Each structure stands twice: as C-alpha cells, then as structure tokens.
C-alpha cells in the first residue's frame, strides 16, 4: 500500500467517524422507531410550556442545603457536623443562615429551616412564591421501610449509591444502560399530540448543552445539542472553517449528502438525517443571529452560560414554531468527600446567581408562567461526616422554580436531623419519602400529559400514591 493509498484510507475512516459525530451532535437519531407508546392527541399542548432540568452531578448534600433552624434541631446539626459548621468563617453558624417562612409551616411540626448564606436569591424567590423545595426525594421502585430494607424483603433500585447508575435511575427509572429518559418520553407524548408538528420543529423539542443526555432521549424525540456559548455547532466543520476553507467545503458537501443517489434504505436514511442535521443547525444559528438580545446579565460561569443559552433558545420559540420543549443542563463538583466546607459554598453561589438570572430572563421574555425549572441529583449525602466531607446518601433536596409553581412551600417529609430514625439506614443516609416518579408526576401534568401518558413515561408511578406533592395547586 502506497503512502497516498494510506492517506485516502485514513481520510475515508475520518469522514465515517465525523459523519457519526455530526449526526450525534444534532441528535436527529437517524432511524427512529415508527411506533410509539403514546396515543395521538391525548396530551394538552395548547400554548407554550417548557421544562428545564438542572442536574447536580456528584450528589448535592441535602443537609448542607436545607438546614434546620429551630434551636434544638440546629444544635444537634451543629454537634454532628461541628468540624464543618465552624469552617469557612463560621459560614454555617445559625446567625448566618437565611431563615425560610414557608406557608405550610403548620405541617412541619414546629420545625424551622433555612438556606445557607450563599443562596440569598433563592430565599427571595421562595419568599415571593416562585420557588418550592421538595425534600427527601430519591429513586425507589416501590415504597419501602427501614425494616424492609434491612430484611431485604422489598425491591430496591439496582446498584444504590453508584454515581452512574443512580444518575441513570433518576433520569429513566433504570440503571446505567437505559434507553429512554422521562424527559424524552414527556416530549414524545407532546409530539404525539401534535405539538411542534410544523415541518422539522420536532428537532427542537428536547435540547441539551451537554451532549446526548439520557434524560432527553425518547422514542420519537432525540436531544438537539447547542453550545453553552449559544448556537448549534458541528465541531468538525467549525475546526476546518478556521483553518482550511477547501476542507470545510468538502466536509459540508459530505455531511449534506450532496449528489447522493444510493438505493440502500439504510444509506438513504443516514443521508437524509445528515442533510437534516445541517439544515437544522443552519436554521437554529440563523434564528439566533436575528434574535432580539436579552438584557438580563448571566453569571460568567458554566452554569450561568448554560442557562443563558436555554433562555436564548426559549426566546426563539415562535420562530422555531414550538410550543413544548424540554431542556437539560448539568453542573458537576458535588461529590464532596472532602473539602466540602470550601467547595459547596462556591457551587451554591453559582446556583443562586444562575437561577436568579434565569428567572429574570423569563420575566423579560414574558414566559415566567410558562417555564418551570427543577433540579435533580443522583443522591443526597450522609449526615455523618468523615472529617471535612460526606459520603454517598440516598434521598436529597430539590428545588422547583417558576411563576406557575405553588411556591413558598416545603414539600415532602423532612426527616429529623439525627441518626437512628425510621428513614435512616445508616449514618443519616435517608430512605426517600418521595420517589422520583412522585416528583416527576406534577411536572408532567403541568406539561400537559394525561394519566395514561404519565404511566407510560414513569413505569413505577403506579406503585406510589398519586398526587403526593401538589406543585402547581
């Protein structure tokens, strides 16, 4: 084989690889199933609504987020976590905490709660009624008690306390290797009912800043990727456009399948998908270039820029002819086995600034009642500490934000800040009192799904009490 032959062979291999990356980056999915688990025209898709999932990768510490504030509970908290409470300038001293005044305080048995000092905007949003807290949420297959966990007499989610598996279980009700996420299945139901049906608008139904996330993958809908800096990119084309215009032209013609006239059905599907991918990217970027810029200033960090990209995409909803969208945003760093007192406050500050800017942007767009942001994390953490950090837990604390949210409420059951109670399976690792399905149910209902569609998207929902949390009452 000559050197020129080797170059041609390498070029063909390169084009095959980049063809796949182009297709994956735009998330059109190629050969999608012609079948769907959702009947047509069941979900209510009138008007515009969007769900925004912000995933805290690593397991955010629930005890260091919703903090006990009544004197007796706080004293026990400070005793257990003495080595961390006094760190960082005494940042978790009771006098520094931001006390909450929930409307449902009567259901909290006289207990009081607060947020850490790095979350002043979230406290304001809570007090204004635009933010709710749902405590002790986590993956479950069916209700389970401490005695049943210890006896092994009930089904538990596989591979508990594993990052990858519990991230997957949160997003899809199955461990790593799952095929569909409930965000994608929510979108499937909306699409089956006629949402976003004008042309290829379905391409812009589920959108991610961080790759082809499981949460957004449905049977009909596949996640469309945009950059955290705004816009849609095919990285290979972007790379060559700066360095070699002829190569850029060659790759553009390749990805757009110009001149392709093959008869093989699979090849034709792939060619059509690649051509649609480039067309979608071009339409998205053209719309961005002609948008009215947002006045809201977002923090110059990764979470802030992702949320800015989501807000900009929502601003294009009328141009894109969509009335249902699901977004996925992620931020890491929450696996705080050590240095938690130094690490978590900075992460909380990013959340606070990003969420406040996002809510302001929704008000600027007039969509504050049409967009609901919610958080997720694979698990909470243990109440027990290992010196300057915490270990993997189970149930955790989540936020739900938006004008439609029945805010200023602490939903769910907040377990005691102590050990050896009915929800503690060791070290303050909490058996969830609210399953992920019960958390997702009101989000899906608000999005417009019927009970039948919710049951299809959330396979374990039937094992739990329906309507356990009334987020939009």
Protein backbone atom coordinates (compact mmCIF):
# COMPACT_ATOMS: atom_id res chain seq x y z
CA UNK A 1 0.00 0.00 0.00
CA UNK A 2 1.40 3.39 -1.00
CA UNK A 3 1.53 6.46 1.18
CA UNK A 4 -1.22 8.06 -0.94
CA UNK A 5 -3.37 4.95 -0.54
CA UNK A 6 -2.94 5.16 3.25
CA UNK A 7 -3.89 8.84 3.23
CA UNK A 8 -7.04 8.10 1.24
CA UNK A 9 -7.93 5.22 3.58
CA UNK A 10 -7.41 7.41 6.65
CA UNK A 11 -9.50 10.16 5.07
CA UNK A 12 -12.38 7.75 4.44
CA UNK A 13 -12.17 6.49 8.03
CA UNK A 14 -12.11 10.09 9.27
CA UNK A 15 -15.17 11.00 7.24
CA UNK A 16 -17.04 7.98 8.59
CA UNK A 17 -16.22 8.94 12.15
CA UNK A 18 -17.11 12.59 11.67
CA UNK A 19 -20.32 11.64 9.88
CA UNK A 20 -21.35 9.83 13.04
CA UNK A 21 -20.33 12.74 15.25
CA UNK A 22 -22.26 15.19 13.10
CA UNK A 23 -25.35 13.04 13.37
CA UNK A 24 -24.93 12.61 17.12
CA UNK A 25 -24.25 16.29 17.72
CA UNK A 26 -27.51 17.31 16.12
CA UNK A 27 -29.38 14.42 17.73
CA UNK A 28 -31.74 13.63 14.90
CA UNK A 29 -31.43 9.99 15.70
CA UNK A 30 -31.33 8.55 12.19
CA UNK A 31 -33.56 5.52 12.10
CA UNK A 32 -36.23 6.29 14.68
CA UNK A 33 -38.96 3.87 15.52
CA UNK A 34 -42.20 4.24 13.63
CA UNK A 35 -44.06 3.01 16.68
CA UNK A 36 -44.86 4.98 19.80
CA UNK A 37 -46.18 4.06 23.21
CA UNK A 38 -48.34 7.20 23.23
CA UNK A 39 -51.72 7.53 21.54
CA UNK A 40 -52.10 10.54 19.27
CA UNK A 41 -53.85 13.68 20.50
CA UNK A 42 -54.02 12.89 24.20
CA UNK A 43 -51.71 15.44 25.85
CA UNK A 44 -52.83 19.04 26.18
CA UNK A 45 -50.30 21.06 24.16
CA UNK A 46 -52.05 24.43 23.90
CA UNK A 47 -49.82 27.45 24.44
CA UNK A 48 -46.09 27.28 25.19
CA UNK A 49 -44.56 25.34 28.09
CA UNK A 50 -41.01 24.26 28.82
CA UNK A 51 -39.35 22.13 31.48
CA UNK A 52 -35.71 22.81 32.39
CA UNK A 53 -33.85 20.10 34.33
CA UNK A 54 -30.68 21.24 36.11
CA UNK A 55 -28.73 18.18 37.23
CA UNK A 56 -26.20 18.45 40.08
CA UNK A 57 -23.67 15.76 39.20
CA UNK A 58 -21.99 14.07 42.14
CA UNK A 59 -24.76 14.14 44.74
CA UNK A 60 -25.57 17.50 46.39
CA UNK A 61 -25.60 17.48 50.17
CA UNK A 62 -29.20 17.89 51.33
CA UNK A 63 -28.20 18.57 54.94
CA UNK A 64 -25.99 21.47 53.85
CA UNK A 65 -28.72 22.93 51.60
CA UNK A 66 -31.96 22.79 53.62
CA UNK A 67 -30.57 23.40 57.09
CA UNK A 68 -32.50 23.05 60.37
CA UNK A 69 -33.02 26.42 62.06
CA UNK A 70 -35.15 25.86 65.15
CA UNK A 71 -32.78 25.89 68.10
CA UNK A 72 -32.93 22.25 69.18
CA UNK A 73 -32.62 20.84 65.65
CA UNK A 74 -29.82 23.26 64.77
CA UNK A 75 -27.90 22.42 67.95
CA UNK A 76 -27.95 18.73 67.04
CA UNK A 77 -26.90 19.54 63.46
CA UNK A 78 -24.01 21.69 64.70
CA UNK A 79 -22.96 18.96 67.12
CA UNK A 80 -22.86 16.25 64.44
CA UNK A 81 -21.12 18.47 61.89
CA UNK A 82 -19.00 20.51 64.27
CA UNK A 83 -15.82 20.23 62.22
CA UNK A 84 -17.53 21.70 59.13
CA UNK A 85 -20.01 24.16 60.65
CA UNK A 86 -17.21 26.35 62.03
CA UNK A 87 -15.14 26.34 58.83
CA UNK A 88 -15.16 28.99 56.13
CA UNK A 89 -15.56 31.85 58.59
CA UNK A 90 -18.28 30.08 60.54
CA UNK A 91 -20.40 30.03 57.39
CA UNK A 92 -22.97 27.63 58.83
CA UNK A 93 -23.34 29.44 62.14
CA UNK A 94 -27.03 29.82 62.89
CA UNK A 95 -26.82 33.61 62.75
CA UNK A 96 -25.53 33.43 59.17
CA UNK A 97 -28.34 31.25 57.83
CA UNK A 98 -31.23 32.57 55.73
CA UNK A 99 -34.40 31.55 57.53
CA UNK A 100 -37.39 30.50 55.43
CA UNK A 101 -41.04 31.31 56.17
CA UNK A 102 -42.99 28.56 54.39
CA UNK A 103 -46.73 28.88 54.02
CA UNK A 104 -47.07 25.27 55.13
CA UNK A 105 -45.11 25.74 58.36
CA UNK A 106 -48.02 24.21 60.25
CA UNK A 107 -47.25 20.83 58.69
CA UNK A 108 -43.60 20.89 59.80
CA UNK A 109 -44.26 20.05 63.47
CA UNK A 110 -42.81 23.30 64.73
CA UNK A 111 -39.51 22.79 62.96
CA UNK A 112 -37.84 25.69 61.17
CA UNK A 113 -35.50 25.66 58.19
CA UNK A 114 -33.03 27.91 56.45
CA UNK A 115 -30.83 28.12 53.40
CA UNK A 116 -27.06 28.70 53.50
CA UNK A 117 -25.85 32.31 53.14
CA UNK A 118 -24.79 31.67 49.54
CA UNK A 119 -28.43 31.32 48.42
CA UNK A 120 -29.97 34.77 49.07
CA UNK A 121 -31.68 34.95 45.67
CA UNK A 122 -33.24 31.52 46.11
CA UNK A 123 -34.50 32.60 49.51
CA UNK A 124 -36.08 35.70 47.92
CA UNK A 125 -37.66 33.60 45.18
CA UNK A 126 -39.00 31.23 47.84
CA UNK A 127 -40.43 34.06 49.92
CA UNK A 128 -42.03 35.57 46.78
CA UNK A 129 -43.76 32.28 46.00
CA UNK A 130 -41.75 31.49 42.85
CA UNK A 131 -39.70 28.66 44.37
CA UNK A 132 -40.67 25.46 46.15
CA UNK A 133 -38.49 22.94 47.96
CA UNK A 134 -39.12 19.20 47.79
CA UNK A 135 -37.20 17.30 50.43
CA UNK A 136 -36.05 13.71 50.67
CA UNK A 137 -36.63 12.80 47.01
CA UNK A 138 -34.86 9.81 45.51
CA UNK A 139 -35.02 6.67 43.38
CA UNK A 140 -37.42 3.96 44.54
CA UNK A 141 -39.17 1.07 42.84
CA UNK A 142 -41.89 0.77 45.49
CA UNK A 143 -42.46 2.18 48.99
CA UNK A 144 -40.05 0.68 51.50
CA UNK A 145 -39.48 0.93 55.23
CA UNK A 146 -36.26 0.71 57.19
CA UNK A 147 -37.18 -2.76 58.43
CA UNK A 148 -37.84 -3.93 54.87
CA UNK A 149 -34.53 -2.52 53.67
CA UNK A 150 -32.70 -4.34 56.45
CA UNK A 151 -34.59 -7.57 55.78
CA UNK A 152 -34.15 -7.34 52.01
CA UNK A 153 -37.86 -8.02 51.59
CA UNK A 154 -38.66 -5.25 49.08
CA UNK A 155 -37.29 -4.31 45.69
CA UNK A 156 -34.69 -1.55 45.72
CA UNK A 157 -33.14 0.35 42.81
CA UNK A 158 -30.15 -1.62 41.47
CA UNK A 159 -26.67 -0.51 42.49
CA UNK A 160 -27.69 2.14 45.01
CA UNK A 161 -25.03 4.76 45.83
CA UNK A 162 -23.30 4.31 42.45
CA UNK A 163 -22.96 7.64 40.64
CA UNK A 164 -23.56 6.42 37.07
CA UNK A 165 -26.36 4.05 37.96
CA UNK A 166 -28.27 6.47 40.16
CA UNK A 167 -27.89 9.30 37.64
CA UNK A 168 -29.45 6.94 35.11
CA UNK A 169 -32.16 5.81 37.54
CA UNK A 170 -33.09 9.43 38.29
CA UNK A 171 -33.37 10.15 34.57
CA UNK A 172 -35.00 6.94 33.35
CA UNK A 173 -36.13 4.70 36.27
CA UNK A 174 -33.42 2.21 35.21
CA UNK A 175 -29.68 1.86 35.98
CA UNK A 176 -26.88 2.57 33.52
CA UNK A 177 -27.68 1.20 30.07
CA UNK A 178 -31.27 2.50 29.97
CA UNK A 179 -32.64 3.56 26.59
CA UNK A 180 -35.22 6.28 27.30
CA UNK A 181 -35.45 9.12 29.81
CA UNK A 182 -38.67 10.51 31.23
CA UNK A 183 -37.95 13.97 29.83
CA UNK A 184 -37.77 12.46 26.35
CA UNK A 185 -40.91 10.42 26.96
CA UNK A 186 -42.75 13.54 28.15
CA UNK A 187 -41.68 15.15 24.86
CA UNK A 188 -42.82 12.07 22.92
CA UNK A 189 -46.29 12.42 24.39
CA UNK A 190 -46.44 16.10 23.43
CA UNK A 191 -45.24 15.37 19.89
CA UNK A 192 -47.76 12.53 19.53
CA UNK A 193 -50.48 15.03 20.41
CA UNK A 194 -49.44 17.41 17.66
CA UNK A 195 -47.03 19.75 19.44
CA UNK A 196 -44.20 21.18 17.33
CA UNK A 197 -45.62 19.45 14.25
CA UNK A 198 -44.79 22.16 11.72
CA UNK A 199 -42.03 20.82 9.46
CA UNK A 200 -38.94 19.70 11.36
CA UNK A 201 -39.78 21.65 14.52
CA UNK A 202 -39.66 18.36 16.44
CA UNK A 203 -35.87 18.62 16.15
CA UNK A 204 -36.01 21.46 18.67
CA UNK A 205 -38.25 19.72 21.21
CA UNK A 206 -35.54 18.37 23.55
CA UNK A 207 -32.37 20.43 23.85
CA UNK A 208 -29.15 19.90 25.81
CA UNK A 209 -26.00 21.88 26.46
CA UNK A 210 -24.03 18.81 27.45
CA UNK A 211 -24.29 16.05 24.87
CA UNK A 212 -26.87 13.40 24.10
CA UNK A 213 -28.26 13.01 27.60
CA UNK A 214 -30.37 10.01 28.54
CA UNK A 215 -32.97 12.19 30.24
CA UNK A 216 -33.96 13.79 26.91
CA UNK A 217 -33.99 10.64 24.79
CA UNK A 218 -37.42 9.40 23.78
CA UNK A 219 -38.78 7.02 21.18
CA UNK A 220 -39.67 9.86 18.79
CA UNK A 221 -37.59 12.72 20.16
CA UNK A 222 -33.82 12.89 20.43
CA UNK A 223 -31.83 15.66 22.12
CA UNK A 224 -30.59 18.51 19.97
CA UNK A 225 -27.28 19.90 21.21
CA UNK A 226 -26.48 23.59 21.42
CA UNK A 227 -23.31 25.12 22.76
CA UNK A 228 -23.09 26.69 26.20
CA UNK A 229 -21.98 29.88 24.45
CA UNK A 230 -25.13 29.89 22.30
CA UNK A 231 -25.70 28.44 18.85
CA UNK A 232 -25.53 24.99 17.36
CA UNK A 233 -22.20 23.61 16.23
CA UNK A 234 -20.77 20.72 14.28
CA UNK A 235 -17.32 20.77 15.81
CA UNK A 236 -15.52 19.20 12.87
CA UNK A 237 -16.87 21.86 10.50
CA UNK A 238 -16.08 24.62 12.96
CA UNK A 239 -12.48 23.36 13.25
CA UNK A 240 -11.87 23.31 9.49
CA UNK A 241 -13.65 26.61 8.84
CA UNK A 242 -10.88 28.38 10.72
CA UNK A 243 -8.02 26.53 9.05
CA UNK A 244 -8.80 25.25 5.61
CA UNK A 245 -11.70 26.56 3.56
CA UNK A 246 -11.48 23.83 0.86
CA UNK A 247 -11.68 21.16 3.58
CA UNK A 248 -14.67 22.94 5.09
CA UNK A 249 -16.43 22.91 1.73
CA UNK A 250 -15.65 19.22 1.19
CA UNK A 251 -16.98 18.27 4.63
CA UNK A 252 -20.08 20.41 4.20
CA UNK A 253 -20.90 18.66 0.92
CA UNK A 254 -20.17 15.30 2.58
CA UNK A 255 -22.40 15.91 5.59
CA UNK A 256 -25.20 17.34 3.45
CA UNK A 257 -25.02 14.22 1.24
CA UNK A 258 -24.85 16.32 -1.90
CA UNK A 259 -25.13 14.14 -5.01
CA UNK A 260 -26.08 11.02 -3.06
CA UNK A 261 -28.39 8.76 -5.08
CA UNK A 262 -27.94 5.36 -3.44
CA UNK A 263 -30.79 2.89 -3.28
CA UNK A 264 -29.88 1.21 0.02
CA UNK A 265 -32.61 2.15 2.53
CA UNK A 266 -30.23 2.48 5.48
CA UNK A 267 -27.84 4.64 3.47
CA UNK A 268 -30.73 6.84 2.32
CA UNK A 269 -31.98 7.25 5.92
CA UNK A 270 -28.49 8.22 7.11
CA UNK A 271 -28.05 10.65 4.21
CA UNK A 272 -31.44 12.24 4.92
CA UNK A 273 -30.60 12.54 8.62
CA UNK A 274 -27.23 14.16 7.89
CA UNK A 275 -28.79 16.62 5.48
CA UNK A 276 -31.50 17.44 8.03
CA UNK A 277 -28.85 17.88 10.72
CA UNK A 278 -27.00 20.57 8.80
CA UNK A 279 -30.26 22.24 7.84
CA UNK A 280 -31.38 22.32 11.48
CA UNK A 281 -28.05 23.76 12.61
CA UNK A 282 -28.21 26.45 9.95
CA UNK A 283 -31.80 27.37 10.83
CA UNK A 284 -31.00 27.49 14.54
CA UNK A 285 -27.94 29.70 14.07
CA UNK A 286 -29.76 31.98 11.62
CA UNK A 287 -32.56 32.44 14.15
CA UNK A 288 -30.02 33.26 16.87
CA UNK A 289 -28.35 35.86 14.67
CA UNK A 290 -31.69 37.61 14.12
CA UNK A 291 -32.96 37.44 17.69
CA UNK A 292 -33.52 40.40 19.98
CA UNK A 293 -30.69 40.11 22.55
CA UNK A 294 -31.64 39.57 26.17
CA UNK A 295 -30.94 42.42 28.57
CA UNK A 296 -30.57 40.03 31.51
CA UNK A 297 -26.97 39.52 32.54
CA UNK A 298 -25.99 35.95 33.41
CA UNK A 299 -23.01 34.94 35.55
CA UNK A 300 -19.82 34.22 33.61
CA UNK A 301 -19.55 30.63 34.79
CA UNK A 302 -20.51 27.33 33.19
CA UNK A 303 -23.93 27.06 34.82
CA UNK A 304 -24.75 30.70 34.08
CA UNK A 305 -23.77 30.37 30.43
CA UNK A 306 -25.79 27.17 30.00
CA UNK A 307 -28.87 28.85 31.47
CA UNK A 308 -28.30 31.86 29.23
CA UNK A 309 -28.25 29.50 26.23
CA UNK A 310 -31.54 27.95 27.40
CA UNK A 311 -33.10 31.41 27.80
CA UNK A 312 -31.93 32.44 24.33
CA UNK A 313 -33.37 29.24 22.85
CA UNK A 314 -36.71 29.89 24.57
CA UNK A 315 -36.68 33.37 23.05
CA UNK A 316 -36.78 31.66 19.61
CA UNK A 317 -39.90 29.62 20.40
CA UNK A 318 -42.13 31.50 17.95
CA UNK A 319 -39.51 31.45 15.19
CA UNK A 320 -38.95 27.73 15.71
CA UNK A 321 -42.71 27.08 15.81
CA UNK A 322 -42.54 25.06 19.02
CA UNK A 323 -44.96 25.03 21.93
CA UNK A 324 -43.41 22.25 24.04
CA UNK A 325 -39.71 21.96 24.93
CA UNK A 326 -37.60 20.09 27.49
CA UNK A 327 -34.06 21.23 28.36
CA UNK A 328 -31.20 19.57 30.22
CA UNK A 329 -28.39 21.46 31.98
CA UNK A 330 -25.72 19.93 34.22
CA UNK A 331 -23.07 21.13 36.64
CA UNK A 332 -20.57 18.90 38.44
CA UNK A 333 -18.45 19.08 41.58
CA UNK A 334 -20.95 17.87 44.19
CA UNK A 335 -19.14 14.65 45.14
CA UNK A 336 -17.80 16.31 48.28
CA UNK A 337 -15.97 13.52 50.09
CA UNK A 338 -13.53 16.16 51.32
CA UNK A 339 -13.19 19.95 51.49
CA UNK A 340 -16.98 20.30 51.49
CA UNK A 341 -16.91 23.49 53.55
CA UNK A 342 -14.66 25.08 50.91
CA UNK A 343 -16.28 23.55 47.80
CA UNK A 344 -20.04 23.58 48.33
CA UNK A 345 -20.45 27.31 49.13
CA UNK A 346 -18.98 28.21 45.73
CA UNK A 347 -21.32 25.79 43.97
CA UNK A 348 -24.28 27.20 45.89
CA UNK A 349 -23.27 30.70 44.76
CA UNK A 350 -23.26 29.55 41.13
CA UNK A 351 -26.73 28.06 41.55
CA UNK A 352 -28.01 31.22 43.23
CA UNK A 353 -26.71 33.59 40.57
CA UNK A 354 -27.71 31.39 37.64
CA UNK A 355 -31.23 30.67 38.84
CA UNK A 356 -31.93 34.31 39.70
CA UNK A 357 -30.74 35.46 36.26
CA UNK A 358 -32.81 32.77 34.56
CA UNK A 359 -35.99 33.80 36.36
CA UNK A 360 -35.31 37.44 35.46
CA UNK A 361 -34.83 36.43 31.82
CA UNK A 362 -38.14 34.56 31.84
CA UNK A 363 -39.83 37.69 33.15
CA UNK A 364 -38.14 39.70 30.39
CA UNK A 365 -39.49 37.24 27.80
CA UNK A 366 -42.93 37.15 29.40
CA UNK A 367 -42.63 33.38 29.91
CA UNK A 368 -42.26 33.28 33.69
CA UNK A 369 -45.52 31.31 33.98
CA UNK A 370 -44.70 29.07 31.01
CA UNK A 371 -41.28 27.72 32.06
CA UNK A 372 -40.62 25.53 35.08
CA UNK A 373 -37.05 24.82 36.20
CA UNK A 374 -36.36 21.90 38.53
CA UNK A 375 -33.26 20.32 39.96
CA UNK A 376 -32.08 16.74 40.27
CA UNK A 377 -29.05 14.94 41.69
CA UNK A 378 -28.29 11.24 41.82
CA UNK A 379 -28.45 11.16 45.62
CA UNK A 380 -28.10 13.27 48.74
CA UNK A 381 -25.30 12.69 51.22
CA UNK A 382 -24.82 11.28 54.69
CA UNK A 383 -25.42 13.34 57.80
CA UNK A 384 -22.32 11.73 59.27
CA UNK A 385 -19.09 13.35 58.17
CA UNK A 386 -15.64 11.94 57.52
CA UNK A 387 -13.73 14.93 58.84
CA UNK A 388 -14.16 17.53 56.12
CA UNK A 389 -16.60 15.81 53.76
CA UNK A 390 -19.57 13.48 53.41
CA UNK A 391 -20.34 10.17 51.73
CA UNK A 392 -22.97 8.99 49.26
CA UNK A 393 -26.52 9.15 50.57
CA UNK A 394 -29.92 8.38 49.05
CA UNK A 395 -32.78 10.87 49.42
CA UNK A 396 -31.96 14.52 48.69
CA UNK A 397 -33.33 18.07 48.47
CA UNK A 398 -34.60 19.57 45.19
CA UNK A 399 -35.83 22.96 44.02
CA UNK A 400 -38.69 23.78 41.63
CA UNK A 401 -38.85 27.33 40.25
CA UNK A 402 -41.27 29.27 38.07
CA UNK A 403 -44.26 31.56 38.06
CA UNK A 404 -46.70 28.65 37.80
CA UNK A 405 -45.19 26.86 40.82
CA UNK A 406 -47.14 26.80 44.07
CA UNK A 407 -44.09 28.19 45.86
CA UNK A 408 -43.17 29.15 49.40
CA UNK A 409 -43.78 25.54 50.37
CA UNK A 410 -41.55 22.76 51.66
CA UNK A 411 -42.99 19.60 50.16
CA UNK A 412 -42.32 16.02 51.13
CA UNK A 413 -41.33 14.74 54.53
CA UNK A 414 -38.23 16.29 56.10
CA UNK A 415 -36.62 13.61 58.31
CA UNK A 416 -35.06 14.52 61.67
CA UNK A 417 -31.51 15.86 61.59
CA UNK A 418 -30.24 12.92 63.59
CA UNK A 419 -29.48 9.22 63.43
CA UNK A 420 -31.44 6.02 64.09
CA UNK A 421 -34.89 7.20 62.97
CA UNK A 422 -37.30 5.48 60.59
CA UNK A 423 -35.74 6.93 57.42
CA UNK A 424 -32.10 6.39 58.44
CA UNK A 425 -30.38 3.31 57.03
CA UNK A 426 -27.01 4.24 58.45
CA UNK A 427 -25.05 7.43 59.02
CA UNK A 428 -28.04 9.61 58.20
CA UNK A 429 -28.39 8.08 54.74
CA UNK A 430 -32.09 8.67 54.06
CA UNK A 431 -34.68 6.33 52.60
CA UNK A 432 -36.56 8.66 50.24
CA UNK A 433 -40.06 9.61 51.37
CA UNK A 434 -40.90 10.91 47.88
CA UNK A 435 -39.97 8.84 44.83
CA UNK A 436 -38.58 10.37 41.65
CA UNK A 437 -41.84 9.32 39.96
CA UNK A 438 -43.91 11.24 42.52
CA UNK A 439 -41.65 14.25 41.97
CA UNK A 440 -41.98 13.97 38.17
CA UNK A 441 -45.75 13.41 38.14
CA UNK A 442 -46.86 17.02 38.77
CA UNK A 443 -44.22 18.28 36.31
CA UNK A 444 -45.69 16.00 33.64
CA UNK A 445 -49.27 17.03 34.44
CA UNK A 446 -48.34 20.70 34.21
CA UNK A 447 -46.60 19.94 30.88
CA UNK A 448 -49.95 18.60 29.66
CA UNK A 449 -49.67 14.81 29.92
CA UNK A 450 -52.66 12.61 30.67
CA UNK A 451 -52.65 9.98 33.41
CA UNK A 452 -52.15 7.29 30.76
CA UNK A 453 -49.13 9.10 29.30
CA UNK A 454 -47.64 9.65 32.73
CA UNK A 455 -47.95 5.94 33.48
CA UNK A 456 -46.15 5.12 30.23
CA UNK A 457 -43.32 7.58 30.87
CA UNK A 458 -42.93 6.73 34.58
CA UNK A 459 -43.17 2.93 34.84
CA UNK A 460 -43.02 2.78 38.65
CA UNK A 461 -45.58 5.52 39.24
CA UNK A 462 -48.41 3.07 39.85
CA UNK A 463 -46.58 1.72 42.90
CA UNK A 464 -46.93 5.03 44.74
CA UNK A 465 -49.64 7.35 45.97
CA UNK A 466 -50.65 9.67 43.14
CA UNK A 467 -50.73 13.42 43.75
CA UNK A 468 -48.35 13.22 46.71
CA UNK A 469 -46.98 16.70 46.04
CA UNK A 470 -49.16 19.47 44.62
CA UNK A 471 -46.52 21.68 42.97
CA UNK A 472 -49.00 23.56 40.82
CA UNK A 473 -52.08 23.61 43.04
